[in-house]
């Protein structure tokens, strides 16, 4: 049985072929589409049931069903945000916002389910938007990746001497910044932190994550979530005095689980996309920051433009240039492995980082951070998931006649269905 997602993909390929009858090659995006079609084709092979243990199939089904309510909830959020940004594009006369809204709308609506060579399961989504600032799923993956990248060197720092090498967490902020001054405020707070940090010779490293949600007072609450790697004494009162405002500080335990939890909490995006528990607090008389889809359109436009090209995560001292330090400390064999992942020539393995070009370095950074990609040809495709109009996902896995569908019930109560019915 041909899955609906496969039919859609095949239609896209045929439409392109019909519109380009003289083409001798296909573009990358179309070859990627053909790869997706092959995944769905693999599900219908008659010998698949023999190769895959049906008990393992059911275990994967159970695992998927337990995770899909979270996917559906984040999908719900993304659809609301897509609708909002589409309206912003109309009032701000910015055509690019329509494209952003469309990417959010189409993100993770269907995908093939597979068994990896190590026995674990995966979902290869047909479409992912790649927008970490706006997509809840992309944001979660980015947060996890950054936490995993910075965790080892931070733990190494504390192991040097646990009694003197400590990690402190602080939230640095000043006054809120008026509308129209977000970009200036973001830059100013970073510069002020750099000046503050230079007053401490015993701060051997720092990791900062900049946040800038809109406040309930319709101004920008710009602040920095900061991890300080301190060797020796650290006086909270003196630190606040030198900053010029109150700063929340606390020491992070050196245990991996404690530091991981703190990193994940600090790195994740703080902007609330859609109304949630804030409405309950509002009913109790408390003033809460508005959710993103409640922002005036001109505020969202300012926020989005101010964040373009801005590095919200920055590192200093022993956490600075980790890719260069890792490369220069690696043996030739390890470097060749990184180059292979980055699809670069092994001849670069003898070069120090500083001699690599601006073309080679970004590819190597990605390879060193992300690791070796999964060989998709080794994945056994066993079914698919599909997002439905009633804010649920369907799980279709073999074995079984023409797939066996299990639909999860609606887990959100907002008015998405009403909007669909009225449109």
Protein backbone atom coordinates (compact mmCIF):
# COMPACT_ATOMS: atom_id res chain seq x y z
CA UNK A 1 0.00 0.00 0.00
CA UNK A 2 1.37 3.40 -0.98
CA UNK A 3 1.56 5.76 1.99
CA UNK A 4 -0.05 9.22 1.48
CA UNK A 5 3.28 10.92 2.19
CA UNK A 6 4.89 8.83 -0.56
CA UNK A 7 2.16 9.84 -3.02
CA UNK A 8 2.82 13.50 -2.22
CA UNK A 9 6.57 13.10 -2.75
CA UNK A 10 6.10 11.25 -6.02
CA UNK A 11 3.77 13.99 -7.24
CA UNK A 12 6.49 16.60 -6.49
CA UNK A 13 9.03 14.64 -8.55
CA UNK A 14 6.70 14.16 -11.52
CA UNK A 15 5.72 17.82 -11.51
CA UNK A 16 9.37 18.87 -11.64
CA UNK A 17 10.15 16.41 -14.45
CA UNK A 18 7.19 17.68 -16.49
CA UNK A 19 8.32 21.29 -16.03
CA UNK A 20 11.95 20.49 -17.00
CA UNK A 21 11.74 18.10 -19.99
CA UNK A 22 15.25 18.99 -21.24
CA UNK A 23 17.05 18.58 -17.92
CA UNK A 24 20.02 16.17 -17.86
CA UNK A 25 20.42 16.18 -14.07
CA UNK A 26 18.26 16.83 -11.00
CA UNK A 27 18.81 19.40 -8.24
CA UNK A 28 19.84 18.40 -4.72
CA UNK A 29 16.41 18.97 -3.20
CA UNK A 30 14.90 16.56 -5.72
CA UNK A 31 17.50 13.86 -5.11
CA UNK A 32 16.69 14.20 -1.42
CA UNK A 33 13.02 13.67 -2.28
CA UNK A 34 13.90 10.50 -4.22
CA UNK A 35 15.73 9.21 -1.14
CA UNK A 36 12.55 9.68 0.88
CA UNK A 37 10.50 7.80 -1.72
CA UNK A 38 12.95 4.89 -1.53
CA UNK A 39 12.37 4.70 2.23
CA UNK A 40 8.65 4.25 1.70
CA UNK A 41 9.26 1.73 -1.09
CA UNK A 42 11.41 -0.32 1.28
CA UNK A 43 8.45 -0.77 3.64
CA UNK A 44 6.51 -2.72 1.02
CA UNK A 45 9.12 -5.37 0.26
CA UNK A 46 7.70 -8.83 0.75
CA UNK A 47 10.80 -10.17 2.51
CA UNK A 48 10.79 -7.46 5.18
CA UNK A 49 8.59 -9.40 7.60
CA UNK A 50 11.10 -12.24 7.55
CA UNK A 51 14.00 -9.93 8.39
CA UNK A 52 12.39 -8.01 11.26
CA UNK A 53 11.29 -9.56 14.55
CA UNK A 54 7.57 -8.71 15.00
CA UNK A 55 8.11 -8.37 18.75
CA UNK A 56 10.70 -5.67 18.07
CA UNK A 57 8.18 -3.94 15.81
CA UNK A 58 5.69 -3.80 18.67
CA UNK A 59 8.32 -2.48 21.07
CA UNK A 60 9.11 0.30 18.61
CA UNK A 61 5.40 1.03 18.21
CA UNK A 62 5.02 1.37 21.97
CA UNK A 63 8.07 3.62 22.19
CA UNK A 64 6.78 5.82 19.37
CA UNK A 65 3.31 6.10 20.85
CA UNK A 66 4.76 7.27 24.16
CA UNK A 67 6.76 10.04 22.43
CA UNK A 68 4.14 11.21 19.92
CA UNK A 69 2.01 13.25 22.34
CA UNK A 70 5.05 15.48 22.87
CA UNK A 71 5.58 15.76 19.12
CA UNK A 72 1.90 16.59 18.63
CA UNK A 73 2.01 19.28 21.31
CA UNK A 74 5.07 20.90 19.75
CA UNK A 75 3.47 20.56 16.32
CA UNK A 76 0.41 22.37 17.66
CA UNK A 77 2.64 25.20 18.91
CA UNK A 78 4.40 25.41 15.55
CA UNK A 79 1.11 25.68 13.66
CA UNK A 80 -0.08 28.51 15.87
CA UNK A 81 3.23 30.30 15.39
CA UNK A 82 3.06 29.74 11.63
CA UNK A 83 -0.38 31.34 11.49
CA UNK A 84 0.83 34.29 13.56
CA UNK A 85 3.96 34.91 11.43
CA UNK A 86 1.84 34.77 8.29
CA UNK A 87 -0.21 37.66 9.70
CA UNK A 88 2.97 39.54 10.63
CA UNK A 89 4.08 39.26 7.01
CA UNK A 90 0.86 40.95 5.94
CA UNK A 91 1.07 43.91 8.33
CA UNK A 92 4.84 44.41 8.05
CA UNK A 93 4.88 43.91 4.26
CA UNK A 94 7.69 41.35 4.53
CA UNK A 95 7.31 38.57 1.89
CA UNK A 96 10.05 36.48 3.55
CA UNK A 97 7.77 35.93 6.55
CA UNK A 98 5.32 33.98 4.39
CA UNK A 99 8.12 31.55 3.52
CA UNK A 100 9.04 31.19 7.19
CA UNK A 101 5.40 30.49 8.07
CA UNK A 102 5.17 27.85 5.33
CA UNK A 103 8.32 26.07 6.54
CA UNK A 104 6.91 25.92 10.07
CA UNK A 105 3.59 24.62 8.77
CA UNK A 106 5.23 21.80 6.78
CA UNK A 107 7.79 20.82 9.43
CA UNK A 108 7.72 17.18 10.66
CA UNK A 109 4.28 16.33 9.29
CA UNK A 110 5.32 12.85 8.13
CA UNK A 111 8.31 10.57 8.21
CA UNK A 112 9.60 7.06 7.75
CA UNK A 113 10.25 4.85 10.78
CA UNK A 114 13.41 2.79 10.69
CA UNK A 115 15.58 0.43 12.72
CA UNK A 116 19.21 1.58 12.93
CA UNK A 117 22.16 -0.82 12.70
CA UNK A 118 22.59 -0.65 16.49
CA UNK A 119 18.98 -1.82 16.97
CA UNK A 120 17.58 1.54 17.99
CA UNK A 121 14.65 3.17 16.20
CA UNK A 122 14.45 6.49 14.42
CA UNK A 123 12.08 8.73 12.47
CA UNK A 124 13.44 10.26 9.26
CA UNK A 125 11.14 13.27 8.87
CA UNK A 126 10.27 14.15 5.28
CA UNK A 127 10.58 17.88 5.99
CA UNK A 128 12.36 19.78 8.77
CA UNK A 129 12.35 23.58 8.89
CA UNK A 130 15.82 24.00 10.44
CA UNK A 131 14.80 27.19 12.29
CA UNK A 132 16.11 26.79 15.84
CA UNK A 133 14.76 30.17 16.97
CA UNK A 134 11.16 29.30 16.09
CA UNK A 135 10.65 25.53 15.91
CA UNK A 136 10.21 23.78 19.29
CA UNK A 137 11.74 20.54 17.98
CA UNK A 138 14.69 22.22 16.27
CA UNK A 139 15.27 24.26 19.44
CA UNK A 140 15.30 21.11 21.59
CA UNK A 141 17.85 19.45 19.32
CA UNK A 142 20.07 22.54 19.27
CA UNK A 143 19.92 22.83 23.04
CA UNK A 144 20.90 19.19 23.48
CA UNK A 145 23.76 19.49 20.99
CA UNK A 146 25.25 22.57 22.66
CA UNK A 147 24.93 21.08 26.13
CA UNK A 148 26.74 17.93 25.03
CA UNK A 149 29.48 19.99 23.36
CA UNK A 150 30.31 22.18 26.37
CA UNK A 151 29.77 19.61 29.12
CA UNK A 152 33.11 17.68 28.80
CA UNK A 153 35.47 20.72 29.04
CA UNK A 154 33.44 22.14 31.93
CA UNK A 155 33.67 18.85 33.80
CA UNK A 156 37.39 18.67 33.04
CA UNK A 157 37.81 22.09 34.62
CA UNK A 158 36.19 21.02 37.91
CA UNK A 159 38.28 17.83 38.05
CA UNK A 160 41.55 19.80 38.15
CA UNK A 161 40.87 20.61 41.79
CA UNK A 162 37.25 20.32 42.99
CA UNK A 163 37.92 22.52 46.03
CA UNK A 164 39.17 25.51 44.03
CA UNK A 165 37.86 24.97 40.48
CA UNK A 166 34.16 25.69 40.68
CA UNK A 167 31.35 26.63 38.31
CA UNK A 168 28.92 29.42 39.13
CA UNK A 169 25.70 30.28 37.33
CA UNK A 170 24.40 33.83 37.14
CA UNK A 171 21.68 35.83 35.40
CA UNK A 172 23.05 39.21 34.32
CA UNK A 173 20.60 41.93 33.41
CA UNK A 174 20.09 45.69 33.69
CA UNK A 175 17.03 47.79 32.94
CA UNK A 176 14.67 46.75 30.15
CA UNK A 177 15.18 48.36 26.75
CA UNK A 178 12.50 50.34 24.93
CA UNK A 179 10.98 49.17 21.64
CA UNK A 180 13.26 50.11 18.78
CA UNK A 181 16.39 49.56 20.90
CA UNK A 182 16.57 45.77 21.01
CA UNK A 183 19.54 45.39 18.66
CA UNK A 184 21.46 48.09 20.52
CA UNK A 185 20.62 46.55 23.89
CA UNK A 186 21.74 43.06 22.84
CA UNK A 187 25.12 44.37 21.75
CA UNK A 188 25.50 46.61 24.81
CA UNK A 189 24.90 43.83 27.32
CA UNK A 190 27.49 41.57 25.66
CA UNK A 191 30.08 44.37 25.68
CA UNK A 192 29.32 45.22 29.32
CA UNK A 193 29.79 41.60 30.34
CA UNK A 194 33.17 41.49 28.59
CA UNK A 195 34.31 44.54 30.54
CA UNK A 196 33.02 43.00 33.79
CA UNK A 197 34.76 39.69 33.12
CA UNK A 198 38.13 41.32 32.49
CA UNK A 199 38.18 42.54 36.10
CA UNK A 200 38.64 38.91 37.24
CA UNK A 201 41.91 37.14 36.59
CA UNK A 202 40.60 33.97 38.22
CA UNK A 203 37.65 33.54 35.84
CA UNK A 204 39.32 31.04 33.53
CA UNK A 205 36.32 30.44 31.29
CA UNK A 206 32.77 31.57 30.67
CA UNK A 207 29.74 30.52 28.64
CA UNK A 208 26.97 33.04 28.04
CA UNK A 209 23.53 32.60 26.49
CA UNK A 210 21.69 35.79 25.60
CA UNK A 211 17.88 36.01 25.88
CA UNK A 212 15.51 38.83 24.96
CA UNK A 213 11.78 38.13 25.48
CA UNK A 214 9.18 40.90 25.38
CA UNK A 215 8.06 41.87 28.89
CA UNK A 216 4.56 42.53 30.19
CA UNK A 217 5.47 46.24 30.06
CA UNK A 218 5.99 46.07 26.27
CA UNK A 219 9.76 46.48 26.47
CA UNK A 220 12.68 44.11 25.98
CA UNK A 221 13.88 42.02 28.92
CA UNK A 222 17.44 41.41 27.71
CA UNK A 223 19.54 39.22 29.99
CA UNK A 224 22.48 36.82 29.96
CA UNK A 225 22.49 33.31 31.38
CA UNK A 226 26.14 32.88 32.40
CA UNK A 227 28.34 29.99 33.51
CA UNK A 228 31.58 31.14 35.16
CA UNK A 229 34.53 28.79 35.55
CA UNK A 230 36.30 30.20 38.59
CA UNK A 231 39.62 29.18 40.11
CA UNK A 232 39.63 30.41 43.69
CA UNK A 233 37.49 32.84 45.66
CA UNK A 234 34.37 34.44 44.16
CA UNK A 235 32.54 37.15 46.11
CA UNK A 236 28.87 37.54 45.12
CA UNK A 237 28.50 41.02 46.63
CA UNK A 238 31.61 42.36 44.91
CA UNK A 239 30.52 40.81 41.62
CA UNK A 240 27.13 42.57 41.86
CA UNK A 241 28.81 45.86 42.75
CA UNK A 242 31.12 45.67 39.75
CA UNK A 243 28.19 44.82 37.46
CA UNK A 244 26.14 47.71 38.78
CA UNK A 245 22.91 45.79 39.42
CA UNK A 246 21.63 42.79 41.31
CA UNK A 247 22.70 39.43 39.85
CA UNK A 248 21.36 36.03 40.86
CA UNK A 249 24.26 33.63 41.55
CA UNK A 250 24.50 30.02 42.63
CA UNK A 251 27.19 27.37 42.52
CA UNK A 252 26.64 24.38 40.25
CA UNK A 253 27.65 20.99 41.60
CA UNK A 254 30.39 19.28 39.64
CA UNK A 255 28.37 16.12 39.02
CA UNK A 256 27.60 15.47 35.32
CA UNK A 257 23.84 15.20 35.89
CA UNK A 258 23.71 18.52 37.76
CA UNK A 259 25.76 20.40 35.18
CA UNK A 260 23.84 18.81 32.30
CA UNK A 261 20.54 19.85 33.83
CA UNK A 262 21.78 23.42 34.35
CA UNK A 263 23.11 23.67 30.79
CA UNK A 264 19.90 22.38 29.23
CA UNK A 265 17.82 24.81 31.26
CA UNK A 266 20.03 27.81 30.47
CA UNK A 267 20.61 27.17 26.76
CA UNK A 268 17.00 26.52 25.76
CA UNK A 269 15.11 29.45 24.27
CA UNK A 270 13.19 31.33 26.96
CA UNK A 271 10.60 32.95 24.70
CA UNK A 272 7.18 31.41 25.26
CA UNK A 273 5.71 30.78 21.82
CA UNK A 274 2.03 30.35 22.69
CA UNK A 275 -0.16 31.11 25.73
CA UNK A 276 -0.04 28.45 28.39
CA UNK A 277 0.14 28.59 32.14
CA UNK A 278 0.64 32.35 31.95
CA UNK A 279 -3.11 32.70 31.42
CA UNK A 280 -3.70 31.00 34.77
CA UNK A 281 -1.32 33.44 36.47
CA UNK A 282 -3.04 36.35 34.77
CA UNK A 283 -6.35 35.20 36.25
CA UNK A 284 -4.74 35.25 39.68
CA UNK A 285 -3.78 38.90 39.26
CA UNK A 286 -0.12 38.38 38.36
CA UNK A 287 1.30 40.19 35.35
CA UNK A 288 3.06 37.75 33.03
CA UNK A 289 5.13 38.30 29.90
CA UNK A 290 3.05 37.77 26.75
CA UNK A 291 3.54 34.70 24.60
CA UNK A 292 5.15 35.34 21.22
CA UNK A 293 1.92 35.02 19.24
CA UNK A 294 0.50 37.78 21.47
CA UNK A 295 3.25 40.27 20.62
CA UNK A 296 2.39 43.34 18.51
CA UNK A 297 3.49 42.56 14.97
CA UNK A 298 6.08 45.34 14.92
CA UNK A 299 7.70 43.86 18.06
CA UNK A 300 8.07 40.44 16.44
CA UNK A 301 9.55 42.06 13.36
CA UNK A 302 12.11 43.90 15.52
CA UNK A 303 12.93 40.71 17.46
CA UNK A 304 13.42 38.61 14.35
CA UNK A 305 15.55 41.19 12.54
CA UNK A 306 17.70 41.88 15.62
CA UNK A 307 18.47 38.18 15.99
CA UNK A 308 19.57 37.57 12.40
CA UNK A 309 23.29 36.84 12.38
CA UNK A 310 23.57 37.40 16.15
CA UNK A 311 25.43 34.74 18.17
CA UNK A 312 23.34 34.21 21.29
CA UNK A 313 25.76 31.57 22.66
CA UNK A 314 29.34 32.74 23.24
CA UNK A 315 32.33 31.27 25.03
CA UNK A 316 35.48 32.70 26.60
CA UNK A 317 38.75 31.56 28.12
CA UNK A 318 39.19 27.78 28.35
CA UNK A 319 35.84 27.30 26.59
CA UNK A 320 36.83 29.50 23.64
CA UNK A 321 37.70 27.95 20.27
CA UNK A 322 37.07 24.39 21.41
CA UNK A 323 37.13 23.12 17.83
CA UNK A 324 40.62 24.53 17.29
CA UNK A 325 41.86 23.09 20.59
CA UNK A 326 40.40 19.67 19.80
CA UNK A 327 41.86 19.68 16.28
CA UNK A 328 45.35 20.74 17.35
CA UNK A 329 45.35 18.13 20.13
CA UNK A 330 44.16 15.30 17.85
CA UNK A 331 46.39 12.73 16.24
CA UNK A 332 46.54 12.52 12.44
CA UNK A 333 44.28 9.46 12.43
CA UNK A 334 41.57 11.35 14.35
CA UNK A 335 41.91 14.34 12.04
CA UNK A 336 41.49 12.11 8.99
CA UNK A 337 38.26 10.81 10.50
CA UNK A 338 36.95 14.36 10.99
CA UNK A 339 37.93 15.22 7.41
CA UNK A 340 36.15 12.14 6.11
CA UNK A 341 32.95 13.14 7.91
CA UNK A 342 33.28 16.69 6.55
CA UNK A 343 33.93 15.27 3.03
CA UNK A 344 37.29 17.02 2.84
CA UNK A 345 40.63 15.74 1.56
CA UNK A 346 42.86 13.87 3.98
CA UNK A 347 45.76 16.08 2.92
CA UNK A 348 44.56 18.72 5.38
CA UNK A 349 45.28 16.40 8.33
CA UNK A 350 48.85 17.70 8.69
CA UNK A 351 47.77 21.34 8.90
CA UNK A 352 47.24 23.19 12.20
CA UNK A 353 43.80 24.80 12.61
CA UNK A 354 45.05 28.31 11.84
CA UNK A 355 46.24 27.24 8.39
CA UNK A 356 42.83 25.90 7.37
CA UNK A 357 40.66 28.16 5.22
CA UNK A 358 37.30 29.75 6.03
CA UNK A 359 35.74 27.17 3.69
CA UNK A 360 37.25 24.19 5.49
CA UNK A 361 36.78 25.31 9.10
CA UNK A 362 32.94 25.51 9.11
CA UNK A 363 32.70 22.02 7.59
CA UNK A 364 35.08 20.66 10.21
CA UNK A 365 33.26 22.41 13.06
CA UNK A 366 30.05 20.71 12.00
CA UNK A 367 31.77 17.33 11.64
CA UNK A 368 33.45 17.61 15.05
CA UNK A 369 30.26 18.73 16.78
CA UNK A 370 27.71 16.47 15.08
CA UNK A 371 29.88 13.37 14.68
CA UNK A 372 29.68 10.77 11.94
CA UNK A 373 26.32 10.80 10.16
CA UNK A 374 24.23 7.67 10.07
CA UNK A 375 24.51 5.62 6.88
CA UNK A 376 20.86 5.63 5.85
CA UNK A 377 21.39 2.69 3.49
CA UNK A 378 21.88 0.50 6.58
CA UNK A 379 18.54 1.48 8.11
CA UNK A 380 15.67 -1.03 7.85
CA UNK A 381 12.51 0.97 7.08
CA UNK A 382 9.46 -0.54 8.77
CA UNK A 383 6.69 2.03 8.58
CA UNK A 384 5.70 5.66 8.87
CA UNK A 385 4.19 8.34 11.10
CA UNK A 386 1.84 11.00 9.82
CA UNK A 387 0.37 14.14 11.41
CA UNK A 388 -3.41 14.39 11.17
CA UNK A 389 -5.80 17.33 11.03
CA UNK A 390 -7.12 16.54 14.51
CA UNK A 391 -3.73 17.35 16.10
CA UNK A 392 -2.65 13.72 16.40
CA UNK A 393 -0.13 11.37 14.82
CA UNK A 394 -0.87 8.03 13.16
CA UNK A 395 1.63 5.20 13.54
CA UNK A 396 1.67 2.76 10.61
CA UNK A 397 4.07 -0.14 11.06
CA UNK A 398 4.37 -3.56 9.48
CA UNK A 399 3.79 -6.50 9.75
CA UNK A 400 0.11 -6.52 8.95
CA UNK A 401 -2.24 -6.29 6.01
CA UNK A 402 -1.91 -2.88 4.38
CA UNK A 403 -0.33 -1.44 7.57
CA UNK A 404 -1.95 -1.32 10.96
CA UNK A 405 -2.84 2.21 12.01
CA UNK A 406 -2.85 3.39 15.61
CA UNK A 407 -4.04 6.96 16.08
CA UNK A 408 -3.29 8.96 19.18
CA UNK A 409 -6.08 11.16 20.48
CA UNK A 410 -6.02 14.92 20.46
CA UNK A 411 -3.80 16.21 23.27
CA UNK A 412 -4.32 19.95 22.90
CA UNK A 413 -7.38 22.03 23.68
CA UNK A 414 -6.68 25.23 21.73
CA UNK A 415 -8.89 26.33 18.88
CA UNK A 416 -6.87 24.96 15.95
CA UNK A 417 -9.72 22.75 14.72
CA UNK A 418 -12.13 25.67 14.89
CA UNK A 419 -9.78 27.75 12.76
CA UNK A 420 -9.53 24.91 10.23
CA UNK A 421 -13.31 24.63 10.04
CA UNK A 422 -13.77 28.36 9.59
CA UNK A 423 -11.09 28.77 6.93
